[in-house]
Amino acid sequence: MKVDFVPFLPPGLHPGMDALARGLARGVSERGGELRLRTGPMGESVRASIGEGVDAIYLFVTDPLEAEEEVKEALAEGIRVMTFHRPAYEVTASVLVPNFYQGVELATQLARRLEKRARVAILGGPEILDDEELVLGCLDGARRAGLEVLNDPFASQYRNLEDVKGVSGAVVERLMGDLYPFDGLIVFNDETLHDVVAYLKEKSLSGSFPIVSRNGSPAAIESIRQGLSTATLDYHLPEIGALGAGLLDGGEALVMAPAGQVYNSSNLEKAISWEVRAPFDISLNVIS
């Protein structure tokens, strides 16, 4: 069984995407198949997979309309098309992620450490489906918890549009320069947290206010251990990949991923790294 996966970012660029791919690869392998990762644009990748006669294609959906025509072609050829996140067009099956509710939980976690009407900032992410839903949840959760949000996290000056570490330093500096002092900070993902932690260290502000973020990455767990961050929501990326592999067995067209687990200083000993949970090596199966 030949299976292709088109991730949002190429392998090695985003640990979270790699963790999902490892979980998917392991699940496909357990079912007697081989997973390959395509790194080109989604539409082109789908057409390339069709030409090579694969049995199934997985897509990480960032735009609910992207690759609609190519997916129709794949389905017409009898190729099963599964997605992480639900596109607007028809596919064989999808894994849904409760991004909005995870955003609500991030805001709730922050609010539990603050006084009512505390002033908080939200550092947003790229203009893609799951991160937009997440930030909407952060805003709704903050409002329900009685927090005052100081900025629009959908404004380009307050979001890491690249979604990876090492590129959002200017965004972090702008947010701090425009809004600080504030009482707490929500960072949409752990990759951006890297740049926040680095900035706060440089400015001798580490530990000045609570910070929460989503992903549950090993680096975020270590930041909590060092007192540089407050909490991270591990949304079970390796397990989401494995759940996606289960779609090869048939059954429901829509399945819901778990809500995740929040880690903070009280339960760090329970955290198990992504590499341990999904040790499958994906580096050998990357194609352009």
C-alpha atoms as a PDB file:
ATOM      1  CA  MET A   1       0.000   0.000   0.000  1.00  0.00           C
ATOM      2  CA  LYS A   2       1.472   3.323  -1.115  1.00  0.00           C
ATOM      3  CA  VAL A   3       0.423   6.371   0.868  1.00  0.00           C
ATOM      4  CA  ASP A   4       1.524  10.001   0.423  1.00  0.00           C
ATOM      5  CA  PHE A   5       1.243  12.855   2.923  1.00  0.00           C
ATOM      6  CA  VAL A   6       1.456  16.558   2.069  1.00  0.00           C
ATOM      7  CA  PRO A   7       2.274  18.389   5.335  1.00  0.00           C
ATOM      8  CA  PHE A   8       1.911  22.106   5.955  1.00  0.00           C
ATOM      9  CA  LEU A   9       5.674  22.596   6.277  1.00  0.00           C
ATOM     10  CA  PRO A  10       8.601  20.481   5.014  1.00  0.00           C
ATOM     11  CA  PRO A  11      10.075  17.935   7.444  1.00  0.00           C
ATOM     12  CA  GLY A  12      12.667  19.353   9.824  1.00  0.00           C
ATOM     13  CA  LEU A  13      11.210  22.859   9.828  1.00  0.00           C
ATOM     14  CA  HIS A  14       8.498  22.410  12.463  1.00  0.00           C
ATOM     15  CA  PRO A  15       8.825  19.775  15.234  1.00  0.00           C
ATOM     16  CA  GLY A  16       5.059  19.589  15.689  1.00  0.00           C
ATOM     17  CA  MET A  17       4.434  18.781  12.037  1.00  0.00           C
ATOM     18  CA  ASP A  18       7.215  16.190  12.218  1.00  0.00           C
ATOM     19  CA  ALA A  19       5.556  14.619  15.272  1.00  0.00           C
ATOM     20  CA  LEU A  20       2.254  14.308  13.428  1.00  0.00           C
ATOM     21  CA  ALA A  21       4.016  12.804  10.405  1.00  0.00           C
ATOM     22  CA  ARG A  22       5.837  10.266  12.586  1.00  0.00           C
ATOM     23  CA  GLY A  23       2.579   9.172  14.177  1.00  0.00           C
ATOM     24  CA  LEU A  24       0.981   8.814  10.740  1.00  0.00           C
ATOM     25  CA  ALA A  25       3.998   6.959   9.332  1.00  0.00           C
ATOM     26  CA  ARG A  26       3.994   4.504  12.175  1.00  0.00           C
ATOM     27  CA  GLY A  27       0.264   3.843  11.814  1.00  0.00           C
ATOM     28  CA  VAL A  28       0.566   3.330   8.059  1.00  0.00           C
ATOM     29  CA  SER A  29       3.518   0.967   8.578  1.00  0.00           C
ATOM     30  CA  GLU A  30       1.537  -1.074  11.107  1.00  0.00           C
ATOM     31  CA  ARG A  31      -1.079  -1.569   8.381  1.00  0.00           C
ATOM     32  CA  GLY A  32       1.479  -2.883   5.921  1.00  0.00           C
ATOM     33  CA  GLY A  33       1.936   0.327   3.977  1.00  0.00           C
ATOM     34  CA  GLU A  34       4.660   2.887   3.362  1.00  0.00           C
ATOM     35  CA  LEU A  35       4.218   6.607   3.916  1.00  0.00           C
ATOM     36  CA  ARG A  36       6.023   9.155   1.762  1.00  0.00           C
ATOM     37  CA  LEU A  37       6.111  12.889   2.483  1.00  0.00           C
ATOM     38  CA  ARG A  38       5.724  15.292  -0.415  1.00  0.00           C
ATOM     39  CA  THR A  39       7.072  18.795   0.155  1.00  0.00           C
ATOM     40  CA  GLY A  40       5.743  20.709  -2.859  1.00  0.00           C
ATOM     41  CA  PRO A  41       2.570  22.806  -3.237  1.00  0.00           C
ATOM     42  CA  MET A  42      -0.560  20.844  -2.337  1.00  0.00           C
ATOM     43  CA  GLY A  43      -2.209  20.786  -5.761  1.00  0.00           C
ATOM     44  CA  GLU A  44       0.988  19.812  -7.560  1.00  0.00           C
ATOM     45  CA  SER A  45       1.713  17.161  -4.951  1.00  0.00           C
ATOM     46  CA  VAL A  46      -1.725  15.591  -5.323  1.00  0.00           C
ATOM     47  CA  ARG A  47      -1.337  15.405  -9.097  1.00  0.00           C
ATOM     48  CA  ALA A  48       2.129  13.866  -8.718  1.00  0.00           C
ATOM     49  CA  SER A  49       0.720  11.246  -6.349  1.00  0.00           C
ATOM     50  CA  ILE A  50      -2.065  10.435  -8.811  1.00  0.00           C
ATOM     51  CA  GLY A  51       0.526   9.924 -11.542  1.00  0.00           C
ATOM     52  CA  GLU A  52       2.427   7.458  -9.390  1.00  0.00           C
ATOM     53  CA  GLY A  53      -0.645   5.382  -8.583  1.00  0.00           C
ATOM     54  CA  VAL A  54      -0.750   5.708  -4.821  1.00  0.00           C
ATOM     55  CA  ASP A  55      -3.538   4.073  -2.836  1.00  0.00           C
ATOM     56  CA  ALA A  56      -4.215   6.996  -0.499  1.00  0.00           C
ATOM     57  CA  ILE A  57      -3.273  10.641  -0.025  1.00  0.00           C
ATOM     58  CA  TYR A  58      -3.244  12.614   3.237  1.00  0.00           C
ATOM     59  CA  LEU A  59      -3.395  16.405   3.294  1.00  0.00           C
ATOM     60  CA  PHE A  60      -2.840  18.845   6.146  1.00  0.00           C
ATOM     61  CA  VAL A  61      -5.504  21.402   5.291  1.00  0.00           C
ATOM     62  CA  THR A  62      -4.561  25.046   5.796  1.00  0.00           C
ATOM     63  CA  ASP A  63      -6.910  26.557   3.202  1.00  0.00           C
ATOM     64  CA  PRO A  64     -10.335  24.854   2.967  1.00  0.00           C
ATOM     65  CA  LEU A  65     -10.501  25.497  -0.798  1.00  0.00           C
ATOM     66  CA  GLU A  66      -6.934  24.648  -1.833  1.00  0.00           C
ATOM     67  CA  ALA A  67      -6.406  21.715  -4.242  1.00  0.00           C
ATOM     68  CA  GLU A  68     -10.148  21.116  -4.744  1.00  0.00           C
ATOM     69  CA  GLU A  69      -9.836  20.182  -8.418  1.00  0.00           C
ATOM     70  CA  GLU A  70      -6.823  17.954  -7.861  1.00  0.00           C
ATOM     71  CA  VAL A  71      -8.583  16.107  -5.042  1.00  0.00           C
ATOM     72  CA  LYS A  72     -11.609  15.546  -7.307  1.00  0.00           C
ATOM     73  CA  GLU A  73      -9.253  13.964  -9.836  1.00  0.00           C
ATOM     74  CA  ALA A  74      -7.753  11.710  -7.185  1.00  0.00           C
ATOM     75  CA  LEU A  75     -11.157  10.548  -5.976  1.00  0.00           C
ATOM     76  CA  ALA A  76     -12.234   9.882  -9.578  1.00  0.00           C
ATOM     77  CA  GLU A  77      -9.187   7.622  -9.931  1.00  0.00           C
ATOM     78  CA  GLY A  78     -10.273   5.617  -6.909  1.00  0.00           C
ATOM     79  CA  ILE A  79      -7.598   7.082  -4.625  1.00  0.00           C
ATOM     80  CA  ARG A  80      -8.701   7.680  -1.051  1.00  0.00           C
ATOM     81  CA  VAL A  81      -8.069  11.236   0.175  1.00  0.00           C
ATOM     82  CA  MET A  82      -7.909  11.831   3.927  1.00  0.00           C
ATOM     83  CA  THR A  83      -7.264  15.155   5.627  1.00  0.00           C
ATOM     84  CA  PHE A  84      -6.229  16.655   8.932  1.00  0.00           C
ATOM     85  CA  HIS A  85      -8.838  19.432   9.339  1.00  0.00           C
ATOM     86  CA  ARG A  86     -11.925  19.503   7.155  1.00  0.00           C
ATOM     87  CA  PRO A  87     -11.818  21.216   3.744  1.00  0.00           C
ATOM     88  CA  ALA A  88     -14.906  22.711   2.110  1.00  0.00           C
ATOM     89  CA  TYR A  89     -14.933  20.088  -0.657  1.00  0.00           C
ATOM     90  CA  GLU A  90     -15.580  16.355  -0.528  1.00  0.00           C
ATOM     91  CA  VAL A  91     -12.875  13.976   0.698  1.00  0.00           C
ATOM     92  CA  THR A  92     -12.915  10.366   1.877  1.00  0.00           C
ATOM     93  CA  ALA A  93     -12.480  11.131   5.578  1.00  0.00           C
ATOM     94  CA  SER A  94     -11.074  13.769   7.928  1.00  0.00           C
ATOM     95  CA  VAL A  95      -9.572  14.105  11.385  1.00  0.00           C
ATOM     96  CA  LEU A  96     -11.072  17.134  13.099  1.00  0.00           C
ATOM     97  CA  VAL A  97      -9.034  19.053  15.675  1.00  0.00           C
ATOM     98  CA  PRO A  98     -10.801  21.083  18.397  1.00  0.00           C
ATOM     99  CA  ASN A  99      -8.622  24.126  17.757  1.00  0.00           C
ATOM    100  CA  PHE A 100     -11.211  26.649  18.970  1.00  0.00           C
ATOM    101  CA  TYR A 101     -11.726  24.891  22.291  1.00  0.00           C
ATOM    102  CA  GLN A 102      -7.999  24.521  22.788  1.00  0.00           C
ATOM    103  CA  GLY A 103      -7.778  28.300  22.420  1.00  0.00           C
ATOM    104  CA  VAL A 104     -10.487  28.685  25.042  1.00  0.00           C
ATOM    105  CA  GLU A 105      -8.492  26.398  27.340  1.00  0.00           C
ATOM    106  CA  LEU A 106      -5.303  28.448  26.869  1.00  0.00           C
ATOM    107  CA  ALA A 107      -7.158  31.603  27.894  1.00  0.00           C
ATOM    108  CA  THR A 108      -8.708  29.786  30.840  1.00  0.00           C
ATOM    109  CA  GLN A 109      -5.334  28.508  32.016  1.00  0.00           C
ATOM    110  CA  LEU A 110      -3.972  32.051  31.911  1.00  0.00           C
ATOM    111  CA  ALA A 111      -7.007  33.542  33.664  1.00  0.00           C
ATOM    112  CA  ARG A 112      -6.596  31.144  36.599  1.00  0.00           C
ATOM    113  CA  ARG A 113      -3.278  32.822  37.343  1.00  0.00           C
ATOM    114  CA  LEU A 114      -4.539  36.400  37.091  1.00  0.00           C
ATOM    115  CA  GLU A 115      -6.965  38.790  38.714  1.00  0.00           C
ATOM    116  CA  LYS A 116     -10.272  39.659  37.039  1.00  0.00           C
ATOM    117  CA  ARG A 117      -9.957  42.293  34.323  1.00  0.00           C
ATOM    118  CA  ALA A 118      -6.261  41.568  34.009  1.00  0.00           C
ATOM    119  CA  ARG A 119      -4.662  43.017  30.884  1.00  0.00           C
ATOM    120  CA  VAL A 120      -3.345  40.377  28.479  1.00  0.00           C
ATOM    121  CA  ALA A 121      -1.865  40.167  24.993  1.00  0.00           C
ATOM    122  CA  ILE A 122      -2.228  37.430  22.363  1.00  0.00           C
ATOM    123  CA  LEU A 123       0.526  36.653  19.871  1.00  0.00           C
ATOM    124  CA  GLY A 124      -1.151  35.126  16.814  1.00  0.00           C
ATOM    125  CA  GLY A 125      -0.032  32.822  14.027  1.00  0.00           C
ATOM    126  CA  PRO A 126      -0.220  32.376  10.268  1.00  0.00           C
ATOM    127  CA  GLU A 127      -3.325  32.826   8.137  1.00  0.00           C
ATOM    128  CA  ILE A 128      -4.234  29.150   8.093  1.00  0.00           C
ATOM    129  CA  LEU A 129      -7.321  27.238   9.144  1.00  0.00           C
ATOM    130  CA  ASP A 130      -6.269  25.645  12.429  1.00  0.00           C
ATOM    131  CA  ASP A 131      -4.395  28.630  13.826  1.00  0.00           C
ATOM    132  CA  GLU A 132      -7.204  31.024  12.940  1.00  0.00           C
ATOM    133  CA  GLU A 133      -9.624  28.773  14.836  1.00  0.00           C
ATOM    134  CA  LEU A 134      -7.211  28.560  17.771  1.00  0.00           C
ATOM    135  CA  VAL A 135      -6.838  32.323  18.089  1.00  0.00           C
ATOM    136  CA  LEU A 136     -10.600  32.807  17.830  1.00  0.00           C
ATOM    137  CA  GLY A 137     -10.875  30.454  20.792  1.00  0.00           C
ATOM    138  CA  CYS A 138      -8.241  32.411  22.702  1.00  0.00           C
ATOM    139  CA  LEU A 139     -10.234  35.603  22.199  1.00  0.00           C
ATOM    140  CA  ASP A 140     -13.516  34.000  23.200  1.00  0.00           C
ATOM    141  CA  GLY A 141     -11.988  32.292  26.222  1.00  0.00           C
ATOM    142  CA  ALA A 142     -10.342  35.493  27.390  1.00  0.00           C
ATOM    143  CA  ARG A 143     -13.614  37.402  27.100  1.00  0.00           C
ATOM    144  CA  ARG A 144     -15.548  34.738  29.016  1.00  0.00           C
ATOM    145  CA  ALA A 145     -12.879  34.695  31.735  1.00  0.00           C
ATOM    146  CA  GLY A 146     -13.130  38.460  32.223  1.00  0.00           C
ATOM    147  CA  LEU A 147      -9.712  39.331  30.798  1.00  0.00           C
ATOM    148  CA  GLU A 148      -8.990  42.509  28.866  1.00  0.00           C
ATOM    149  CA  VAL A 149      -7.264  41.710  25.562  1.00  0.00           C
ATOM    150  CA  LEU A 150      -5.043  44.614  24.540  1.00  0.00           C
ATOM    151  CA  ASN A 151      -4.441  43.778  20.885  1.00  0.00           C
ATOM    152  CA  ASP A 152      -5.952  42.298  17.760  1.00  0.00           C
ATOM    153  CA  PRO A 153      -4.033  39.003  17.277  1.00  0.00           C
ATOM    154  CA  PHE A 154      -5.209  38.895  13.649  1.00  0.00           C
ATOM    155  CA  ALA A 155      -3.380  42.140  12.852  1.00  0.00           C
ATOM    156  CA  SER A 156      -0.222  41.329  10.903  1.00  0.00           C
ATOM    157  CA  GLN A 157       2.028  43.216  13.303  1.00  0.00           C
ATOM    158  CA  TYR A 158       1.069  40.876  16.143  1.00  0.00           C
ATOM    159  CA  ARG A 159       1.325  37.453  14.519  1.00  0.00           C
ATOM    160  CA  ASN A 160       4.078  35.034  13.519  1.00  0.00           C
ATOM    161  CA  LEU A 161       3.035  34.498   9.914  1.00  0.00           C
ATOM    162  CA  GLU A 162       5.817  31.974   9.280  1.00  0.00           C
ATOM    163  CA  ASP A 163       4.792  29.619  12.129  1.00  0.00           C
ATOM    164  CA  VAL A 164       8.393  28.637  12.967  1.00  0.00           C
ATOM    165  CA  LYS A 165      10.957  29.716  15.532  1.00  0.00           C
ATOM    166  CA  GLY A 166      13.713  32.194  14.806  1.00  0.00           C
ATOM    167  CA  VAL A 167      11.678  34.496  12.557  1.00  0.00           C
ATOM    168  CA  SER A 168       9.278  36.269  14.915  1.00  0.00           C
ATOM    169  CA  GLY A 169      11.771  38.307  16.917  1.00  0.00           C
ATOM    170  CA  ALA A 170      10.601  41.566  15.336  1.00  0.00           C
ATOM    171  CA  VAL A 171       6.965  40.686  16.048  1.00  0.00           C
ATOM    172  CA  VAL A 172       7.738  39.922  19.693  1.00  0.00           C
ATOM    173  CA  GLU A 173       9.682  43.161  20.043  1.00  0.00           C
ATOM    174  CA  ARG A 174       6.830  45.139  18.474  1.00  0.00           C
ATOM    175  CA  LEU A 175       4.206  43.545  20.700  1.00  0.00           C
ATOM    176  CA  MET A 176       6.256  44.218  23.817  1.00  0.00           C
ATOM    177  CA  GLY A 177       7.066  47.764  22.741  1.00  0.00           C
ATOM    178  CA  ASP A 178       3.447  48.604  21.927  1.00  0.00           C
ATOM    179  CA  LEU A 179       1.645  46.867  24.788  1.00  0.00           C
ATOM    180  CA  TYR A 180       3.896  46.069  27.740  1.00  0.00           C
ATOM    181  CA  PRO A 181       3.404  46.263  30.688  1.00  0.00           C
ATOM    182  CA  PHE A 182       0.589  43.736  30.715  1.00  0.00           C
ATOM    183  CA  ASP A 183      -0.347  40.934  33.103  1.00  0.00           C
ATOM    184  CA  GLY A 184      -0.160  37.837  30.924  1.00  0.00           C
ATOM    185  CA  LEU A 185       0.543  36.550  27.419  1.00  0.00           C
ATOM    186  CA  ILE A 186      -0.991  33.866  25.193  1.00  0.00           C
ATOM    187  CA  VAL A 187       1.372  32.611  22.478  1.00  0.00           C
ATOM    188  CA  PHE A 188      -0.394  30.645  19.772  1.00  0.00           C
ATOM    189  CA  ASN A 189       2.296  27.947  19.515  1.00  0.00           C
ATOM    190  CA  ASP A 190       5.480  26.673  21.121  1.00  0.00           C
ATOM    191  CA  GLU A 191       7.654  27.544  18.127  1.00  0.00           C
ATOM    192  CA  THR A 192       6.884  31.221  18.594  1.00  0.00           C
ATOM    193  CA  LEU A 193       7.411  30.769  22.325  1.00  0.00           C
ATOM    194  CA  HIS A 194      11.117  30.224  21.536  1.00  0.00           C
ATOM    195  CA  ASP A 195      11.404  33.811  20.322  1.00  0.00           C
ATOM    196  CA  VAL A 196       9.358  35.174  23.231  1.00  0.00           C
ATOM    197  CA  VAL A 197      11.607  33.425  25.759  1.00  0.00           C
ATOM    198  CA  ALA A 198      14.731  34.670  23.985  1.00  0.00           C
ATOM    199  CA  TYR A 199      13.481  38.268  23.978  1.00  0.00           C
ATOM    200  CA  LEU A 200      12.506  38.197  27.647  1.00  0.00           C
ATOM    201  CA  LYS A 201      15.894  36.768  28.592  1.00  0.00           C
ATOM    202  CA  GLU A 202      17.667  39.523  26.667  1.00  0.00           C
ATOM    203  CA  LYS A 203      15.584  42.209  28.379  1.00  0.00           C
ATOM    204  CA  SER A 204      15.893  40.610  31.847  1.00  0.00           C
ATOM    205  CA  LEU A 205      12.118  40.128  31.948  1.00  0.00           C
ATOM    206  CA  SER A 206      11.993  36.336  32.317  1.00  0.00           C
ATOM    207  CA  GLY A 207       9.255  35.311  34.737  1.00  0.00           C
ATOM    208  CA  SER A 208       7.683  38.786  34.826  1.00  0.00           C
ATOM    209  CA  PHE A 209       4.254  37.491  33.794  1.00  0.00           C
ATOM    210  CA  PRO A 210       2.587  34.121  33.056  1.00  0.00           C
ATOM    211  CA  ILE A 211       2.802  32.776  29.493  1.00  0.00           C
ATOM    212  CA  VAL A 212       0.747  29.968  27.967  1.00  0.00           C
ATOM    213  CA  SER A 213       1.126  28.359  24.544  1.00  0.00           C
ATOM    214  CA  ARG A 214      -0.081  25.375  22.509  1.00  0.00           C
ATOM    215  CA  ASN A 215       1.797  22.326  21.168  1.00  0.00           C
ATOM    216  CA  GLY A 216       3.310  20.511  24.133  1.00  0.00           C
ATOM    217  CA  SER A 217       6.740  20.426  22.523  1.00  0.00           C
ATOM    218  CA  PRO A 218       9.796  19.182  24.410  1.00  0.00           C
ATOM    219  CA  ALA A 219      11.241  22.710  24.249  1.00  0.00           C
ATOM    220  CA  ALA A 220       8.117  24.200  25.844  1.00  0.00           C
ATOM    221  CA  ILE A 221       8.195  21.590  28.605  1.00  0.00           C
ATOM    222  CA  GLU A 222      11.801  22.570  29.300  1.00  0.00           C
ATOM    223  CA  SER A 223      10.860  26.267  29.361  1.00  0.00           C
ATOM    224  CA  ILE A 224       8.279  25.528  32.048  1.00  0.00           C
ATOM    225  CA  ARG A 225      10.837  23.499  33.993  1.00  0.00           C
ATOM    226  CA  GLN A 226      13.187  26.501  33.939  1.00  0.00           C
ATOM    227  CA  GLY A 227      10.453  28.929  35.017  1.00  0.00           C
ATOM    228  CA  LEU A 228      10.495  30.749  31.662  1.00  0.00           C
ATOM    229  CA  SER A 229       6.944  29.803  30.686  1.00  0.00           C
ATOM    230  CA  THR A 230       3.823  28.816  32.593  1.00  0.00           C
ATOM    231  CA  ALA A 231       1.877  26.170  30.677  1.00  0.00           C
ATOM    232  CA  THR A 232       1.669  24.415  27.323  1.00  0.00           C
ATOM    233  CA  LEU A 233      -1.243  22.508  25.840  1.00  0.00           C
ATOM    234  CA  ASP A 234       0.023  19.242  24.360  1.00  0.00           C
ATOM    235  CA  TYR A 235      -2.577  18.560  21.685  1.00  0.00           C
ATOM    236  CA  HIS A 236      -1.308  15.049  20.995  1.00  0.00           C
ATOM    237  CA  LEU A 237       0.231  15.500  17.545  1.00  0.00           C
ATOM    238  CA  PRO A 238       1.730  11.977  17.306  1.00  0.00           C
ATOM    239  CA  GLU A 239      -1.623  10.551  18.355  1.00  0.00           C
ATOM    240  CA  ILE A 240      -3.441  12.706  15.777  1.00  0.00           C
ATOM    241  CA  GLY A 241      -1.174  11.194  13.141  1.00  0.00           C
ATOM    242  CA  ALA A 242      -1.989   7.691  14.367  1.00  0.00           C
ATOM    243  CA  LEU A 243      -5.696   8.561  14.370  1.00  0.00           C
ATOM    244  CA  GLY A 244      -5.337   9.606  10.762  1.00  0.00           C
ATOM    245  CA  ALA A 245      -3.759   6.260   9.888  1.00  0.00           C
ATOM    246  CA  GLY A 246      -6.824   4.593  11.359  1.00  0.00           C
ATOM    247  CA  LEU A 247      -8.907   6.135   8.574  1.00  0.00           C
ATOM    248  CA  LEU A 248      -7.334   3.555   6.268  1.00  0.00           C
ATOM    249  CA  ASP A 249      -9.438   0.951   8.072  1.00  0.00           C
ATOM    250  CA  GLY A 250     -12.674   2.584   6.886  1.00  0.00           C
ATOM    251  CA  GLY A 251     -15.493   3.527   9.202  1.00  0.00           C
ATOM    252  CA  GLU A 252     -16.490   7.064  10.107  1.00  0.00           C
ATOM    253  CA  ALA A 253     -15.856   9.851   7.606  1.00  0.00           C
ATOM    254  CA  LEU A 254     -15.197  12.340  10.408  1.00  0.00           C
ATOM    255  CA  VAL A 255     -13.280  11.587  13.594  1.00  0.00           C
ATOM    256  CA  MET A 256     -12.409  13.992  16.386  1.00  0.00           C
ATOM    257  CA  ALA A 257      -8.906  14.325  17.767  1.00  0.00           C
ATOM    258  CA  PRO A 258      -8.450  14.474  21.557  1.00  0.00           C
ATOM    259  CA  ALA A 259      -8.655  17.821  23.320  1.00  0.00           C
ATOM    260  CA  GLY A 260      -5.127  17.448  24.693  1.00  0.00           C
ATOM    261  CA  GLN A 261      -3.321  17.731  27.999  1.00  0.00           C
ATOM    262  CA  VAL A 262      -2.127  20.903  29.701  1.00  0.00           C
ATOM    263  CA  TYR A 263       1.293  20.717  31.348  1.00  0.00           C
ATOM    264  CA  ASN A 264       2.504  23.153  33.985  1.00  0.00           C
ATOM    265  CA  SER A 265       4.913  23.052  36.909  1.00  0.00           C
ATOM    266  CA  SER A 266       2.613  20.708  38.839  1.00  0.00           C
ATOM    267  CA  ASN A 267       2.627  17.783  36.399  1.00  0.00           C
ATOM    268  CA  LEU A 268       5.763  17.988  34.260  1.00  0.00           C
ATOM    269  CA  GLU A 269       6.861  14.543  35.417  1.00  0.00           C
ATOM    270  CA  LYS A 270       3.938  13.076  33.448  1.00  0.00           C
ATOM    271  CA  ALA A 271       5.039  14.596  30.137  1.00  0.00           C
ATOM    272  CA  ILE A 272       6.403  12.120  27.577  1.00  0.00           C
ATOM    273  CA  SER A 273       8.208  13.642  24.605  1.00  0.00           C
ATOM    274  CA  TRP A 274       6.946  13.307  21.044  1.00  0.00           C
ATOM    275  CA  GLU A 275      10.059  11.375  20.027  1.00  0.00           C
ATOM    276  CA  VAL A 276       9.302   8.660  22.575  1.00  0.00           C
ATOM    277  CA  ARG A 277       5.616   8.493  21.661  1.00  0.00           C
ATOM    278  CA  ALA A 278       6.304   8.309  17.911  1.00  0.00           C
ATOM    279  CA  PRO A 279       9.898   7.150  17.296  1.00  0.00           C
ATOM    280  CA  PHE A 280       9.261   6.310  13.641  1.00  0.00           C
ATOM    281  CA  ASP A 281      11.932   7.796  11.333  1.00  0.00           C
ATOM    282  CA  ILE A 282      10.366   9.882   8.542  1.00  0.00           C
ATOM    283  CA  SER A 283      13.606  11.226   7.050  1.00  0.00           C
ATOM    284  CA  LEU A 284      14.021   8.315   4.633  1.00  0.00           C
ATOM    285  CA  ASN A 285      10.683   8.840   2.921  1.00  0.00           C
ATOM    286  CA  VAL A 286      10.773  12.528   1.960  1.00  0.00           C
ATOM    287  CA  ILE A 287      10.243  13.342  -1.714  1.00  0.00           C
ATOM    288  CA  SER A 288       9.938  16.681  -3.481  1.00  0.00           C
END
